[in-house]
Amino acid sequence: MVGSVTMSQDVDSLPRSARSHTPKGKLARERILRASEPLFADRGFYGTSMRDIAEASELPLASVVYHFARKEKLYAAILGEIAEQLIGDMNAARVANPEAPLESAIRALIRWSVGNPGRNRLLMRELLDNHARVSRATALPLTPVLTSLAAETTVPNPEVAVLHTVGAVAYVVAAWPTVKRMLGARREKELMKDYEEDAMVLARRMLGIKEKKK
């Protein structure tokens, strides 16, 4: 069997919940997460099967199901990782520049989006595909991104302003490969060089951030 993981007698004797925390269990779980993320980004939740994930991770289907009994649990784990990374970057930026926490957090979000186009694409797919599942979700890990940014601005309807800002950045990053084909590599490179500052101009207008005088 391709990429099958061999467990020792001692590991096999452990309870199921404990085996995922053994070194071999952690390695298999990490392989599943890393293999499934690009599949979800490219094909969406409904276009990716557990069998696809098993093939991509080079593990038996039984191993994938063992660590993640349902596809929803695997998908939730990936969304949790993404939220932890993004929120961590934003909070670190706030700490590094406490005099301008909102601007720093937005800049961190822009940099994260540009630096993680696959994860950005996955989040956009989630917004398009999750209508049937969101009502049943027990947690929405990206909620703090919206609520924390909205709490830091004083514009009317701050949640909408945040959604407009975040949505604009996410759309541009997702569209970038097509933009490159449309405009050519040279122009795309010129635009990318200035993109962070261009996005910050939009964010300041949307969120009422006053730019500091130099």
C-alpha atoms as a PDB file:
ATOM      1  CA  MET A   1       0.000   0.000   0.000  1.00  0.00           C
ATOM      2  CA  VAL A   2       1.405   3.418  -1.024  1.00  0.00           C
ATOM      3  CA  GLY A   3       2.944   5.377   1.827  1.00  0.00           C
ATOM      4  CA  SER A   4       1.403   3.207   4.534  1.00  0.00           C
ATOM      5  CA  VAL A   5       2.443   4.059   8.079  1.00  0.00           C
ATOM      6  CA  THR A   6       3.615   1.155  10.215  1.00  0.00           C
ATOM      7  CA  MET A   7       2.699   1.365  13.895  1.00  0.00           C
ATOM      8  CA  SER A   8       4.603  -0.440  16.632  1.00  0.00           C
ATOM      9  CA  GLN A   9       2.902  -2.835  19.043  1.00  0.00           C
ATOM     10  CA  ASP A  10       3.125  -0.232  21.827  1.00  0.00           C
ATOM     11  CA  VAL A  11       1.435   2.421  19.704  1.00  0.00           C
ATOM     12  CA  ASP A  12      -1.294   0.025  18.577  1.00  0.00           C
ATOM     13  CA  SER A  13      -2.154  -0.683  22.201  1.00  0.00           C
ATOM     14  CA  LEU A  14      -2.842   3.005  22.922  1.00  0.00           C
ATOM     15  CA  PRO A  15      -6.376   4.427  22.904  1.00  0.00           C
ATOM     16  CA  ARG A  16      -7.361   5.975  19.584  1.00  0.00           C
ATOM     17  CA  SER A  17      -7.321   9.551  20.919  1.00  0.00           C
ATOM     18  CA  ALA A  18      -3.807   9.099  22.283  1.00  0.00           C
ATOM     19  CA  ARG A  19      -2.309   7.648  19.104  1.00  0.00           C
ATOM     20  CA  SER A  20      -2.694  10.945  17.206  1.00  0.00           C
ATOM     21  CA  HIS A  21      -0.292  12.486  19.724  1.00  0.00           C
ATOM     22  CA  THR A  22       2.484   9.955  19.210  1.00  0.00           C
ATOM     23  CA  PRO A  23       5.402  11.039  16.974  1.00  0.00           C
ATOM     24  CA  LYS A  24       4.149   8.859  14.114  1.00  0.00           C
ATOM     25  CA  GLY A  25       0.592  10.012  14.630  1.00  0.00           C
ATOM     26  CA  LYS A  26       1.616  13.670  14.590  1.00  0.00           C
ATOM     27  CA  LEU A  27       3.639  13.115  11.423  1.00  0.00           C
ATOM     28  CA  ALA A  28       0.715  11.452   9.649  1.00  0.00           C
ATOM     29  CA  ARG A  29      -1.675  14.181  10.781  1.00  0.00           C
ATOM     30  CA  GLU A  30       0.687  16.874   9.505  1.00  0.00           C
ATOM     31  CA  ARG A  31       1.026  15.115   6.141  1.00  0.00           C
ATOM     32  CA  ILE A  32      -2.743  15.018   5.799  1.00  0.00           C
ATOM     33  CA  LEU A  33      -3.105  18.705   6.643  1.00  0.00           C
ATOM     34  CA  ARG A  34      -0.356  19.811   4.253  1.00  0.00           C
ATOM     35  CA  ALA A  35      -1.639  17.631   1.402  1.00  0.00           C
ATOM     36  CA  SER A  36      -5.288  18.624   1.780  1.00  0.00           C
ATOM     37  CA  GLU A  37      -4.865  22.396   2.003  1.00  0.00           C
ATOM     38  CA  PRO A  38      -3.931  23.005  -1.663  1.00  0.00           C
ATOM     39  CA  LEU A  39      -6.669  20.610  -2.744  1.00  0.00           C
ATOM     40  CA  PHE A  40      -9.292  22.577  -0.827  1.00  0.00           C
ATOM     41  CA  ALA A  41      -7.862  25.836  -2.200  1.00  0.00           C
ATOM     42  CA  ASP A  42      -8.005  24.619  -5.804  1.00  0.00           C
ATOM     43  CA  ARG A  43     -11.156  22.481  -5.748  1.00  0.00           C
ATOM     44  CA  GLY A  44     -13.134  23.728  -2.779  1.00  0.00           C
ATOM     45  CA  PHE A  45     -14.657  21.727   0.049  1.00  0.00           C
ATOM     46  CA  TYR A  46     -17.198  19.905  -2.096  1.00  0.00           C
ATOM     47  CA  GLY A  47     -14.773  19.222  -4.938  1.00  0.00           C
ATOM     48  CA  THR A  48     -12.269  17.436  -2.691  1.00  0.00           C
ATOM     49  CA  SER A  49     -12.857  13.906  -1.457  1.00  0.00           C
ATOM     50  CA  MET A  50     -11.190  12.048   1.383  1.00  0.00           C
ATOM     51  CA  ARG A  51      -9.841   9.652  -1.226  1.00  0.00           C
ATOM     52  CA  ASP A  52      -8.212  12.597  -3.043  1.00  0.00           C
ATOM     53  CA  ILE A  53      -6.596  13.625   0.235  1.00  0.00           C
ATOM     54  CA  ALA A  54      -5.359  10.114   0.930  1.00  0.00           C
ATOM     55  CA  GLU A  55      -3.761   9.955  -2.520  1.00  0.00           C
ATOM     56  CA  ALA A  56      -2.134  13.376  -2.163  1.00  0.00           C
ATOM     57  CA  SER A  57      -0.781  12.604   1.311  1.00  0.00           C
ATOM     58  CA  GLU A  58       0.391   9.133   0.201  1.00  0.00           C
ATOM     59  CA  LEU A  59      -1.400   7.532   3.111  1.00  0.00           C
ATOM     60  CA  PRO A  60      -4.088   4.842   3.149  1.00  0.00           C
ATOM     61  CA  LEU A  61      -7.641   6.169   3.185  1.00  0.00           C
ATOM     62  CA  ALA A  62      -8.115   4.394   6.518  1.00  0.00           C
ATOM     63  CA  SER A  63      -5.300   6.479   8.020  1.00  0.00           C
ATOM     64  CA  VAL A  64      -6.884   9.720   6.850  1.00  0.00           C
ATOM     65  CA  VAL A  65     -10.252   8.732   8.269  1.00  0.00           C
ATOM     66  CA  TYR A  66      -8.565   7.592  11.471  1.00  0.00           C
ATOM     67  CA  HIS A  67      -7.111  11.049  12.135  1.00  0.00           C
ATOM     68  CA  PHE A  68     -10.059  12.981  10.703  1.00  0.00           C
ATOM     69  CA  ALA A  69     -13.259  10.960  10.881  1.00  0.00           C
ATOM     70  CA  ARG A  70     -15.125  13.473   8.737  1.00  0.00           C
ATOM     71  CA  LYS A  71     -14.012  15.864   6.028  1.00  0.00           C
ATOM     72  CA  GLU A  72     -15.559  18.720   8.007  1.00  0.00           C
ATOM     73  CA  LYS A  73     -13.150  18.061  10.895  1.00  0.00           C
ATOM     74  CA  LEU A  74     -10.142  18.181   8.592  1.00  0.00           C
ATOM     75  CA  TYR A  75     -11.394  21.358   6.930  1.00  0.00           C
ATOM     76  CA  ALA A  76     -12.031  22.951  10.321  1.00  0.00           C
ATOM     77  CA  ALA A  77      -8.488  22.115  11.405  1.00  0.00           C
ATOM     78  CA  ILE A  78      -7.089  23.873   8.336  1.00  0.00           C
ATOM     79  CA  LEU A  79      -9.259  26.940   8.874  1.00  0.00           C
ATOM     80  CA  GLY A  80      -8.105  26.990  12.489  1.00  0.00           C
ATOM     81  CA  GLU A  81      -4.457  26.948  11.407  1.00  0.00           C
ATOM     82  CA  ILE A  82      -5.057  29.762   8.921  1.00  0.00           C
ATOM     83  CA  ALA A  83      -6.853  31.869  11.510  1.00  0.00           C
ATOM     84  CA  GLU A  84      -4.103  31.293  14.067  1.00  0.00           C
ATOM     85  CA  GLN A  85      -1.413  32.361  11.603  1.00  0.00           C
ATOM     86  CA  LEU A  86      -3.248  35.461  10.364  1.00  0.00           C
ATOM     87  CA  ILE A  87      -4.401  36.644  13.786  1.00  0.00           C
ATOM     88  CA  GLY A  88      -0.908  35.995  15.165  1.00  0.00           C
ATOM     89  CA  ASP A  89       0.671  38.149  12.463  1.00  0.00           C
ATOM     90  CA  MET A  90      -1.833  40.941  13.061  1.00  0.00           C
ATOM     91  CA  ASN A  91      -1.396  40.885  16.837  1.00  0.00           C
ATOM     92  CA  ALA A  92       2.392  40.870  16.516  1.00  0.00           C
ATOM     93  CA  ALA A  93       2.162  43.952  14.294  1.00  0.00           C
ATOM     94  CA  ARG A  94      -0.034  45.689  16.851  1.00  0.00           C
ATOM     95  CA  VAL A  95       2.482  44.976  19.623  1.00  0.00           C
ATOM     96  CA  ALA A  96       5.382  46.176  17.477  1.00  0.00           C
ATOM     97  CA  ASN A  97       3.645  49.505  16.782  1.00  0.00           C
ATOM     98  CA  PRO A  98       1.252  50.272  19.668  1.00  0.00           C
ATOM     99  CA  GLU A  99       0.836  53.890  18.539  1.00  0.00           C
ATOM    100  CA  ALA A 100      -0.932  52.769  15.344  1.00  0.00           C
ATOM    101  CA  PRO A 101      -2.461  49.344  16.052  1.00  0.00           C
ATOM    102  CA  LEU A 102      -5.149  49.438  13.375  1.00  0.00           C
ATOM    103  CA  GLU A 103      -2.863  50.546  10.569  1.00  0.00           C
ATOM    104  CA  SER A 104      -0.251  48.014  11.654  1.00  0.00           C
ATOM    105  CA  ALA A 105      -2.792  45.199  11.741  1.00  0.00           C
ATOM    106  CA  ILE A 106      -4.115  46.067   8.279  1.00  0.00           C
ATOM    107  CA  ARG A 107      -0.602  46.198   6.864  1.00  0.00           C
ATOM    108  CA  ALA A 108       0.084  42.793   8.384  1.00  0.00           C
ATOM    109  CA  LEU A 109      -3.112  41.454   6.815  1.00  0.00           C
ATOM    110  CA  ILE A 110      -2.079  42.762   3.392  1.00  0.00           C
ATOM    111  CA  ARG A 111       1.364  41.190   3.704  1.00  0.00           C
ATOM    112  CA  TRP A 112      -0.142  37.919   4.883  1.00  0.00           C
ATOM    113  CA  SER A 113      -2.556  37.832   1.929  1.00  0.00           C
ATOM    114  CA  VAL A 114       0.186  38.527  -0.619  1.00  0.00           C
ATOM    115  CA  GLY A 115       2.533  36.021   1.015  1.00  0.00           C
ATOM    116  CA  ASN A 116      -0.085  33.262   1.269  1.00  0.00           C
ATOM    117  CA  PRO A 117      -2.053  33.309  -1.991  1.00  0.00           C
ATOM    118  CA  GLY A 118      -3.158  29.692  -1.605  1.00  0.00           C
ATOM    119  CA  ARG A 119      -4.623  30.316   1.830  1.00  0.00           C
ATOM    120  CA  ASN A 120      -6.194  33.540   0.603  1.00  0.00           C
ATOM    121  CA  ARG A 121      -7.844  31.600  -2.229  1.00  0.00           C
ATOM    122  CA  LEU A 122      -9.069  28.940   0.190  1.00  0.00           C
ATOM    123  CA  LEU A 123     -10.736  31.582   2.364  1.00  0.00           C
ATOM    124  CA  MET A 124     -12.461  33.098  -0.658  1.00  0.00           C
ATOM    125  CA  ARG A 125     -13.739  29.672  -1.659  1.00  0.00           C
ATOM    126  CA  GLU A 126     -14.998  29.155   1.879  1.00  0.00           C
ATOM    127  CA  LEU A 127     -17.060  32.333   1.691  1.00  0.00           C
ATOM    128  CA  LEU A 128     -18.611  31.169  -1.576  1.00  0.00           C
ATOM    129  CA  ASP A 129     -19.206  27.547  -0.583  1.00  0.00           C
ATOM    130  CA  ASN A 130     -20.063  27.609   3.101  1.00  0.00           C
ATOM    131  CA  HIS A 131     -23.691  28.764   3.128  1.00  0.00           C
ATOM    132  CA  ALA A 132     -25.064  25.311   3.910  1.00  0.00           C
ATOM    133  CA  ARG A 133     -22.406  24.539   6.518  1.00  0.00           C
ATOM    134  CA  VAL A 134     -22.009  27.842   8.354  1.00  0.00           C
ATOM    135  CA  SER A 135     -25.337  27.471  10.173  1.00  0.00           C
ATOM    136  CA  ARG A 136     -24.112  24.168  11.607  1.00  0.00           C
ATOM    137  CA  ALA A 137     -20.592  25.325  12.455  1.00  0.00           C
ATOM    138  CA  THR A 138     -19.621  25.121  16.108  1.00  0.00           C
ATOM    139  CA  ALA A 139     -16.871  27.729  15.665  1.00  0.00           C
ATOM    140  CA  LEU A 140     -15.973  30.472  13.213  1.00  0.00           C
ATOM    141  CA  PRO A 141     -12.222  30.880  13.756  1.00  0.00           C
ATOM    142  CA  LEU A 142     -11.822  34.007  11.636  1.00  0.00           C
ATOM    143  CA  THR A 143     -14.406  36.016  13.563  1.00  0.00           C
ATOM    144  CA  PRO A 144     -11.697  37.836  15.600  1.00  0.00           C
ATOM    145  CA  VAL A 145     -10.250  39.268  12.385  1.00  0.00           C
ATOM    146  CA  LEU A 146     -13.519  41.080  11.703  1.00  0.00           C
ATOM    147  CA  THR A 147     -14.417  42.016  15.263  1.00  0.00           C
ATOM    148  CA  SER A 148     -10.978  43.238  16.327  1.00  0.00           C
ATOM    149  CA  LEU A 149     -10.509  45.462  13.293  1.00  0.00           C
ATOM    150  CA  ALA A 150     -14.056  46.804  13.589  1.00  0.00           C
ATOM    151  CA  ALA A 151     -13.445  47.648  17.248  1.00  0.00           C
ATOM    152  CA  GLU A 152     -10.387  49.714  16.332  1.00  0.00           C
ATOM    153  CA  THR A 153     -12.085  52.049  13.859  1.00  0.00           C
ATOM    154  CA  THR A 154     -14.613  54.802  14.494  1.00  0.00           C
ATOM    155  CA  VAL A 155     -16.289  54.935  11.078  1.00  0.00           C
ATOM    156  CA  PRO A 156     -20.038  54.240  10.822  1.00  0.00           C
ATOM    157  CA  ASN A 157     -20.871  50.558  10.332  1.00  0.00           C
ATOM    158  CA  PRO A 158     -17.273  49.502  10.986  1.00  0.00           C
ATOM    159  CA  GLU A 159     -17.871  45.824  10.196  1.00  0.00           C
ATOM    160  CA  VAL A 160     -18.921  46.719   6.648  1.00  0.00           C
ATOM    161  CA  ALA A 161     -15.884  48.967   6.233  1.00  0.00           C
ATOM    162  CA  VAL A 162     -13.632  46.124   7.375  1.00  0.00           C
ATOM    163  CA  LEU A 163     -15.321  43.667   5.002  1.00  0.00           C
ATOM    164  CA  HIS A 164     -14.869  46.082   2.089  1.00  0.00           C
ATOM    165  CA  THR A 165     -11.177  46.500   2.933  1.00  0.00           C
ATOM    166  CA  VAL A 166     -10.391  42.834   3.530  1.00  0.00           C
ATOM    167  CA  GLY A 167     -12.497  41.783   0.554  1.00  0.00           C
ATOM    168  CA  ALA A 168     -10.704  44.160  -1.790  1.00  0.00           C
ATOM    169  CA  VAL A 169      -7.303  42.825  -0.771  1.00  0.00           C
ATOM    170  CA  ALA A 170      -8.428  39.202  -1.019  1.00  0.00           C
ATOM    171  CA  TYR A 171      -9.910  39.758  -4.476  1.00  0.00           C
ATOM    172  CA  VAL A 172      -6.805  41.442  -5.854  1.00  0.00           C
ATOM    173  CA  VAL A 173      -4.526  38.692  -4.534  1.00  0.00           C
ATOM    174  CA  ALA A 174      -6.803  35.975  -5.926  1.00  0.00           C
ATOM    175  CA  ALA A 175      -6.977  37.726  -9.306  1.00  0.00           C
ATOM    176  CA  TRP A 176      -3.249  38.359  -9.569  1.00  0.00           C
ATOM    177  CA  PRO A 177      -2.328  35.362 -11.791  1.00  0.00           C
ATOM    178  CA  THR A 178      -5.013  36.443 -14.269  1.00  0.00           C
ATOM    179  CA  VAL A 179      -3.878  40.065 -14.060  1.00  0.00           C
ATOM    180  CA  LYS A 180      -0.361  38.945 -14.935  1.00  0.00           C
ATOM    181  CA  ARG A 181      -1.669  37.205 -18.042  1.00  0.00           C
ATOM    182  CA  MET A 182      -3.776  40.221 -19.001  1.00  0.00           C
ATOM    183  CA  LEU A 183      -1.154  42.924 -18.509  1.00  0.00           C
ATOM    184  CA  GLY A 184       2.102  41.054 -18.981  1.00  0.00           C
ATOM    185  CA  ALA A 185       4.871  40.195 -16.543  1.00  0.00           C
ATOM    186  CA  ARG A 186       6.580  43.598 -16.693  1.00  0.00           C
ATOM    187  CA  ARG A 187       3.472  45.606 -15.783  1.00  0.00           C
ATOM    188  CA  GLU A 188       2.467  43.018 -13.180  1.00  0.00           C
ATOM    189  CA  LYS A 189       5.852  43.402 -11.520  1.00  0.00           C
ATOM    190  CA  GLU A 190       5.464  47.191 -11.460  1.00  0.00           C
ATOM    191  CA  LEU A 191       2.028  46.931  -9.874  1.00  0.00           C
ATOM    192  CA  MET A 192       3.151  44.394  -7.289  1.00  0.00           C
ATOM    193  CA  LYS A 193       6.036  46.646  -6.241  1.00  0.00           C
ATOM    194  CA  ASP A 194       3.571  49.356  -5.211  1.00  0.00           C
ATOM    195  CA  TYR A 195       0.666  47.164  -4.152  1.00  0.00           C
ATOM    196  CA  GLU A 196       1.113  47.261  -0.383  1.00  0.00           C
ATOM    197  CA  GLU A 197       1.074  51.066  -0.302  1.00  0.00           C
ATOM    198  CA  ASP A 198      -1.793  51.230  -2.800  1.00  0.00           C
ATOM    199  CA  ALA A 199      -3.805  48.887  -0.577  1.00  0.00           C
ATOM    200  CA  MET A 200      -2.973  50.972   2.481  1.00  0.00           C
ATOM    201  CA  VAL A 201      -4.328  54.096   0.753  1.00  0.00           C
ATOM    202  CA  LEU A 202      -7.637  52.289   0.251  1.00  0.00           C
ATOM    203  CA  ALA A 203      -7.644  50.940   3.814  1.00  0.00           C
ATOM    204  CA  ARG A 204      -7.041  54.375   5.318  1.00  0.00           C
ATOM    205  CA  ARG A 205      -9.980  55.817   3.378  1.00  0.00           C
ATOM    206  CA  MET A 206     -12.300  52.941   4.238  1.00  0.00           C
ATOM    207  CA  LEU A 207     -11.383  52.736   7.930  1.00  0.00           C
ATOM    208  CA  GLY A 208     -10.821  56.419   8.664  1.00  0.00           C
ATOM    209  CA  ILE A 209      -7.115  56.026   9.444  1.00  0.00           C
ATOM    210  CA  LYS A 210      -5.230  59.284   9.421  1.00  0.00           C
ATOM    211  CA  GLU A 211      -1.810  58.979   7.881  1.00  0.00           C
ATOM    212  CA  LYS A 212       0.971  60.304  10.024  1.00  0.00           C
ATOM    213  CA  LYS A 213       2.799  63.351   8.697  1.00  0.00           C
ATOM    214  CA  LYS A 214       6.391  62.612   7.829  1.00  0.00           C
END
